[in-house]
Protein backbone atom coordinates (compact mmCIF):
# COMPACT_ATOMS: atom_id res chain seq x y z
CA MET A 1 19.55 27.71 10.75
CA LYS A 2 15.97 29.14 11.38
CA THR A 3 14.08 26.36 12.58
CA ILE A 4 14.45 23.61 15.51
CA GLY A 5 12.20 20.54 14.97
CA ARG A 6 8.57 22.52 13.99
CA THR A 7 9.49 25.56 15.67
CA ASP A 8 10.48 28.60 13.78
CA LEU A 9 13.14 30.53 15.85
CA PRO A 10 12.64 34.27 16.19
CA PRO A 11 15.21 36.44 14.64
CA GLU A 12 17.05 37.02 17.97
CA GLN A 13 17.52 33.27 18.60
CA GLN A 14 18.69 32.66 14.92
CA GLN A 15 21.42 35.57 15.62
CA ALA A 16 22.17 33.79 19.09
CA LEU A 17 22.53 30.36 17.32
CA ARG A 18 24.94 31.42 14.58
CA SER A 19 27.03 33.18 17.18
CA ALA A 20 26.88 30.07 19.27
CA ILE A 21 27.93 28.17 16.28
CA ARG A 22 30.95 30.55 15.22
CA TRP A 23 32.02 30.28 19.16
CA GLU A 24 31.83 26.46 19.17
CA TRP A 25 34.14 26.46 16.14
CA PHE A 26 36.21 28.83 17.31
CA THR A 27 36.78 27.11 20.78
CA ILE A 28 37.74 23.90 19.02
CA ALA A 29 40.45 25.45 16.83
CA TYR A 30 41.61 27.36 19.99
CA THR A 31 41.58 24.31 21.94
CA ILE A 32 43.27 22.43 19.47
CA VAL A 33 46.24 24.76 19.54
CA THR A 34 46.70 24.77 23.33
CA ILE A 35 46.76 20.96 23.27
CA VAL A 36 49.76 21.17 20.85
CA LEU A 37 51.09 23.82 22.81
CA ILE A 38 51.06 22.07 26.15
CA ALA A 39 52.15 18.96 24.66
CA LEU A 40 55.19 20.51 23.54
CA VAL A 41 56.21 21.29 27.10
CA LEU A 42 54.78 18.78 29.07
CA GLY A 43 57.82 17.41 30.89
CA GLY A 44 57.48 15.23 33.80
CA SER A 45 54.81 17.38 35.83
CA GLN A 46 51.91 15.62 36.65
CA ALA A 47 49.89 18.53 37.12
CA MET A 48 50.46 19.55 33.38
CA ARG A 49 49.58 16.19 32.17
CA THR A 50 46.44 16.50 34.07
CA ALA A 51 45.90 19.92 32.65
CA TRP A 52 46.46 18.42 29.34
CA ILE A 53 44.02 15.79 29.34
CA GLU A 54 41.45 18.45 30.76
CA ASP A 55 42.15 20.51 27.65
CA ILE A 56 41.49 17.34 25.26
CA LEU A 57 38.14 16.72 27.50
CA SER A 58 36.90 20.00 26.99
CA LEU A 59 36.28 19.64 23.66
CA LEU A 60 33.49 17.14 24.42
CA PRO A 61 30.82 19.86 25.11
CA GLN A 62 31.36 21.80 21.69
CA ILE A 63 31.45 18.39 19.90
CA SER A 64 28.05 17.52 21.63
CA PHE A 65 26.49 20.89 20.81
CA LEU A 66 27.22 20.88 16.92
CA VAL A 67 26.58 17.12 16.33
CA ALA A 68 23.19 17.64 18.32
CA LEU A 69 22.49 20.61 16.21
CA LEU A 70 22.42 18.22 13.15
CA PHE A 71 19.42 16.11 14.77
CA ILE A 72 17.34 18.58 16.58
CA ARG A 73 16.71 20.82 13.16
CA HIS A 74 14.56 17.97 11.55
CA ARG A 75 11.02 18.01 11.72
CA PRO A 76 9.04 15.23 13.94
CA THR A 77 7.96 12.22 11.83
CA GLY A 78 5.78 9.28 12.16
CA ALA A 79 8.95 7.35 13.51
CA PHE A 80 9.78 10.25 15.94
CA PRO A 81 6.42 12.31 16.75
CA TYR A 82 8.17 14.40 19.15
CA GLY A 83 11.30 15.09 16.95
CA LEU A 84 14.61 14.67 17.73
CA HIS A 85 15.16 17.30 20.72
CA ARG A 86 16.54 14.67 23.07
CA ALA A 87 19.75 14.65 20.96
CA MET A 88 20.80 17.68 22.92
CA GLY A 89 20.13 15.78 26.22
CA ILE A 90 22.25 12.98 25.31
CA GLY A 91 25.37 14.59 24.29
CA HIS A 92 25.03 16.32 27.39
CA LEU A 93 24.98 13.36 29.39
CA VAL A 94 27.52 11.45 26.97
CA ALA A 95 29.99 14.57 27.78
CA GLY A 96 29.02 14.42 31.61
CA VAL A 97 29.83 10.91 31.88
CA ALA A 98 33.20 10.99 30.14
CA LEU A 99 34.44 13.99 32.11
CA LEU A 100 33.33 12.18 35.42
CA ALA A 101 35.24 8.95 34.56
CA VAL A 102 38.45 10.25 33.35
CA GLY A 103 38.20 12.80 36.06
CA GLY A 104 38.25 9.79 38.41
CA SER A 105 40.75 8.00 36.52
CA LEU A 106 43.30 11.03 36.86
CA ALA A 107 42.46 11.64 40.79
CA PHE A 108 43.39 7.96 41.60
CA GLU A 109 46.53 8.30 39.55
CA ALA A 110 47.45 11.40 41.35
CA ILE A 111 46.68 10.24 44.85
CA SER A 112 48.74 6.84 43.79
CA LEU A 113 51.76 8.89 42.99
CA LEU A 114 51.65 11.02 46.16
CA LEU A 115 51.25 7.89 48.21
CA ARG A 116 54.33 6.55 46.35
CA ALA A 117 56.25 9.55 46.92
CA GLU A 118 57.25 9.75 43.32
CA HIS A 119 59.20 13.04 42.68
CA PRO A 120 58.32 14.49 39.35
CA ALA A 121 61.26 15.31 37.15
CA ILE A 122 61.34 18.59 35.30
CA GLY A 123 64.32 18.88 33.01
CA THR A 124 65.95 21.75 30.89
CA VAL A 125 66.27 22.74 27.10
CA HIS A 126 68.82 24.38 25.40
CA VAL A 127 67.68 27.96 23.88
CA PHE A 128 69.98 29.98 21.64
CA GLY A 129 72.98 28.20 23.68
CA GLN A 130 71.46 29.05 26.92
CA THR A 131 70.21 26.20 29.47
CA VAL A 132 66.61 26.79 30.87
CA TRP A 133 64.65 25.32 33.07
CA LEU A 134 61.67 23.51 31.27
CA GLY A 135 59.10 24.90 34.00
CA TRP A 136 59.35 28.42 32.77
CA PHE A 137 58.03 27.47 29.34
CA MET A 138 55.13 25.31 31.20
CA VAL A 139 54.18 28.42 33.23
CA ALA A 140 54.34 30.89 30.18
CA VAL A 141 52.07 28.43 28.04
CA MET A 142 49.45 27.83 30.75
CA ALA A 143 49.53 31.59 31.36
CA VAL A 144 49.15 32.30 27.67
CA THR A 145 46.60 29.64 27.14
CA ALA A 146 44.19 31.04 30.16
CA ILE A 147 43.44 34.06 27.94
CA GLY A 148 41.09 32.31 25.56
CA PRO A 149 38.63 30.85 27.84
CA PHE A 150 37.85 34.20 29.69
CA PHE A 151 36.54 35.78 26.47
CA TYR A 152 34.49 32.93 24.80
CA GLY A 153 33.30 31.67 28.18
CA HIS A 154 31.63 34.92 28.83
CA ALA A 155 30.42 35.18 25.09
CA LYS A 156 28.51 32.02 25.42
CA SER A 157 27.28 32.49 28.90
CA LYS A 158 25.19 35.33 27.26
CA LEU A 159 23.98 33.09 24.43
CA ALA A 160 22.94 30.19 26.47
CA PRO A 161 19.57 31.67 28.22
CA LYS A 162 18.46 33.10 24.56
CA LEU A 163 18.66 29.75 23.12
CA HIS A 164 17.93 27.81 26.70
CA ASN A 165 20.85 25.79 25.94
CA LYS A 166 22.18 23.61 28.66
CA VAL A 167 25.17 22.30 26.92
CA LEU A 168 26.19 25.82 25.88
CA TYR A 169 25.57 26.86 29.20
CA ALA A 170 27.67 23.97 30.85
CA ASP A 171 30.46 24.73 28.26
CA ALA A 172 30.46 28.45 29.31
CA ASP A 173 30.50 27.53 32.65
CA MET A 174 33.68 25.43 32.37
CA ALA A 175 35.54 27.91 30.45
CA LYS A 176 34.94 30.47 33.14
CA ALA A 177 36.40 28.17 35.49
CA ASP A 178 39.41 27.29 33.62
CA TRP A 179 41.49 29.87 35.56
CA THR A 180 41.67 27.56 38.30
CA THR A 181 43.16 24.60 36.24
CA THR A 182 45.80 26.89 35.16
CA LEU A 183 46.76 28.38 38.38
CA ALA A 184 47.02 24.95 39.93
CA SER A 185 49.06 23.75 37.16
CA ILE A 186 51.46 26.73 37.52
CA VAL A 187 51.46 26.29 41.25
CA GLY A 188 52.47 22.65 41.01
CA VAL A 189 55.18 23.48 38.61
CA LEU A 190 56.49 26.04 40.72
CA GLY A 191 56.48 23.69 43.61
CA VAL A 192 58.81 21.27 41.90
CA GLY A 193 60.90 24.08 40.95
CA VAL A 194 61.50 25.17 44.76
CA GLY A 195 61.82 21.32 46.04
CA TRP A 196 58.01 20.77 46.99
CA TRP A 197 57.63 17.78 44.69
CA TRP A 198 54.43 16.96 46.38
CA LEU A 199 52.91 20.25 45.60
CA ASP A 200 52.70 18.71 41.77
CA GLY A 201 50.62 15.91 42.82
CA VAL A 202 48.32 18.14 45.15
CA ALA A 203 47.81 20.20 42.01
CA ALA A 204 47.06 17.35 39.50
CA LEU A 205 44.45 16.20 42.58
CA PHE A 206 42.95 19.38 42.63
CA ILE A 207 42.52 19.66 38.59
CA SER A 208 41.09 15.94 38.60
CA LEU A 209 38.67 16.72 41.29
CA GLY A 210 37.36 19.63 39.13
CA ILE A 211 36.95 17.82 36.12
CA MET A 212 35.04 15.20 38.24
CA TRP A 213 32.67 18.00 39.70
CA ASP A 214 32.31 19.17 36.18
CA GLY A 215 31.05 15.74 35.02
CA TRP A 216 28.92 15.24 38.11
CA ARG A 217 27.15 18.38 37.45
CA ASN A 218 26.56 17.77 33.60
CA SER A 219 25.59 14.23 33.96
CA ARG A 220 23.16 14.64 36.75
CA GLY A 221 21.57 17.59 34.86
CA ALA A 222 21.36 15.54 31.74
CA VAL A 223 19.67 12.51 33.37
CA LEU A 224 17.24 14.70 35.38
CA ASP A 225 15.96 16.20 32.03
CA LEU A 226 16.01 12.83 30.26
CA ILE A 227 13.66 11.30 33.24
CA ASP A 228 11.44 14.45 32.74
CA GLN A 229 11.80 16.38 36.04
CA ARG A 230 9.88 19.64 35.89
CA ALA A 231 11.21 22.14 33.50
CA ARG A 232 13.97 24.38 34.84
CA THR A 233 15.83 27.62 34.02
CA HIS A 234 19.09 27.00 31.57
CA ASP A 235 21.26 27.14 34.61
CA ASP A 236 18.64 24.72 36.53
CA LYS A 237 19.04 27.21 39.34
CA SER A 238 15.07 27.56 39.67
CA VAL A 239 11.74 26.28 38.07
CA HIS A 240 11.17 27.68 34.66
CA PRO A 241 8.72 30.72 34.99
CA LEU A 242 6.69 29.63 31.68
CA ALA A 243 4.67 27.36 33.66
CA GLY A 244 3.34 30.02 35.85
CA GLU A 245 2.61 32.19 32.63
CA VAL A 246 0.64 29.31 31.22
CA LEU A 247 -1.23 29.33 34.52
CA ASP A 248 -1.86 32.99 34.63
CA LEU A 249 -3.26 32.85 30.92
CA LEU A 250 -5.59 29.84 31.65
CA ALA A 251 -6.87 31.33 34.89
CA ALA A 252 -7.90 34.63 32.92
CA LEU A 253 -10.10 32.72 30.43
CA PRO A 254 -13.75 33.09 31.64
CA TRP A 255 -14.66 29.46 30.69
CA VAL A 256 -11.96 28.06 33.00
CA GLU A 257 -12.75 27.18 36.56
CA ASP A 258 -9.36 25.73 37.51
CA ALA A 259 -6.24 24.62 35.79
CA SER A 260 -2.90 23.22 36.11
CA VAL A 261 0.32 22.59 34.10
CA ARG A 262 2.91 19.74 33.47
CA MET A 263 5.88 20.93 31.63
CA ARG A 264 8.83 19.23 30.55
CA ASP A 265 12.17 20.11 28.81
CA MET A 266 12.83 18.38 25.67
CA GLY A 267 16.21 19.82 25.00
CA GLN A 268 15.49 23.26 23.87
CA VAL A 269 11.96 23.10 23.61
CA PHE A 270 9.03 22.73 26.14
CA HIS A 271 6.15 20.11 26.05
CA ILE A 272 3.21 21.41 27.83
CA GLU A 273 0.26 19.52 29.08
CA ALA A 274 -2.31 22.23 30.55
CA PHE A 275 -5.29 20.39 32.50
CA VAL A 276 -8.64 22.58 32.49
CA VAL A 277 -11.75 22.12 34.60
CA PRO A 278 -14.47 24.09 32.55
CA ARG A 279 -17.27 25.87 34.08
CA ARG A 280 -20.63 23.93 34.22
CA GLY A 281 -18.47 20.84 33.10
CA LYS A 282 -18.30 21.35 29.43
CA VAL A 283 -16.29 23.54 26.71
CA SER A 284 -16.53 23.57 23.06
CA VAL A 285 -13.59 22.57 20.67
CA GLU A 286 -13.11 26.07 19.45
CA ARG A 287 -12.23 27.25 22.94
CA LEU A 288 -9.73 24.39 23.57
CA GLU A 289 -8.14 25.59 19.93
CA ASP A 290 -8.09 29.22 21.41
CA ALA A 291 -6.38 28.35 24.52
CA HIS A 292 -3.88 26.14 22.52
CA GLU A 293 -3.05 29.05 20.36
CA ARG A 294 -2.66 31.64 23.21
CA ILE A 295 0.05 28.99 24.85
CA VAL A 296 1.71 28.76 21.69
CA ARG A 297 2.31 32.54 21.39
CA LEU A 298 3.69 32.84 24.91
CA ASP A 299 6.96 31.88 23.94
CA TRP A 300 9.05 30.44 21.05
CA LYS A 301 10.20 27.34 23.37
CA VAL A 302 6.56 26.01 23.12
CA GLN A 303 6.83 23.07 20.66
CA ASP A 304 3.95 20.88 21.64
CA VAL A 305 0.99 21.97 23.51
CA GLN A 306 -2.18 19.69 24.47
CA VAL A 307 -5.03 21.35 26.35
CA ILE A 308 -7.11 18.87 27.86
CA PRO A 309 -10.36 19.30 29.70
CA VAL A 310 -10.78 17.09 32.96
CA ARG A 311 -13.14 16.71 36.01
CA GLU A 312 -10.39 16.68 38.35
CA LEU A 313 -6.87 18.13 38.03
CA PRO A 314 -4.16 15.61 38.18
CA ASP A 315 -2.21 15.73 41.86
CA GLU A 316 0.93 15.81 40.21
CA ALA A 317 0.66 18.63 37.89
CA GLU A 318 1.73 22.40 38.55
CA ILE A 319 -0.82 24.55 40.24
């Protein structure tokens, strides 16, 4: 995949995108294996059941990313003049809402079980003629399944900034935090083993709250981008510096008296409106086209640019 909409990806981004696609398919395969393994030892532990459902939900970001890629690669058309870049944001929102809803349901169930003081039952199995507590298999499976997210989470976190992809970043962030789910489920199972039945429900509640937190962060970030907040970095921690670079470029042009910028995030690329106040109140078409080309060359993420001559700068634009 060499283009996104009408943007030709630089070689570094092409390589990063190919790596991201491979990691997403690997994650899906790995997660399916862990889902099957956990299902085999699920038993009566609420913490294990919640961790199992979390594993199933963790497939959503990868599926959203891969499906969105099918749309954003298409060039703009008459029906969709800005391209289909919003597909990435919509996938981000769908994944976030699903996490929030299911996490809330699981948290309610965990609290209900605690209030009813229901004691979870973890039975035994016969292995090679020996009777073994099932909890040991639960602990072993959870410990083994925690290894994968550590590696692919860090790999994706390095690719996300190169692609300016918030779905990929959220996926990586969730994977890196997966060890908390593993630890909580192990603590819950061992708690049942020593007679602290309530520890299983507390662990299930802890995991549920983690799912809800992931859902809230993803939903909030997706909604803010879809309603065109000021473009921010891939991790939403700060305003994206590209707007400042555009302002510096315009300020250096001899015919520009003043300038401001409105920049929105379309998914992986930006839509920029650059307002310029020309010296002596007039500017040629050639100079506007030159400014347009200079802005486009600043960054591969610049998808659409309008350089608009005005008498006064809009109040809401970035100065």
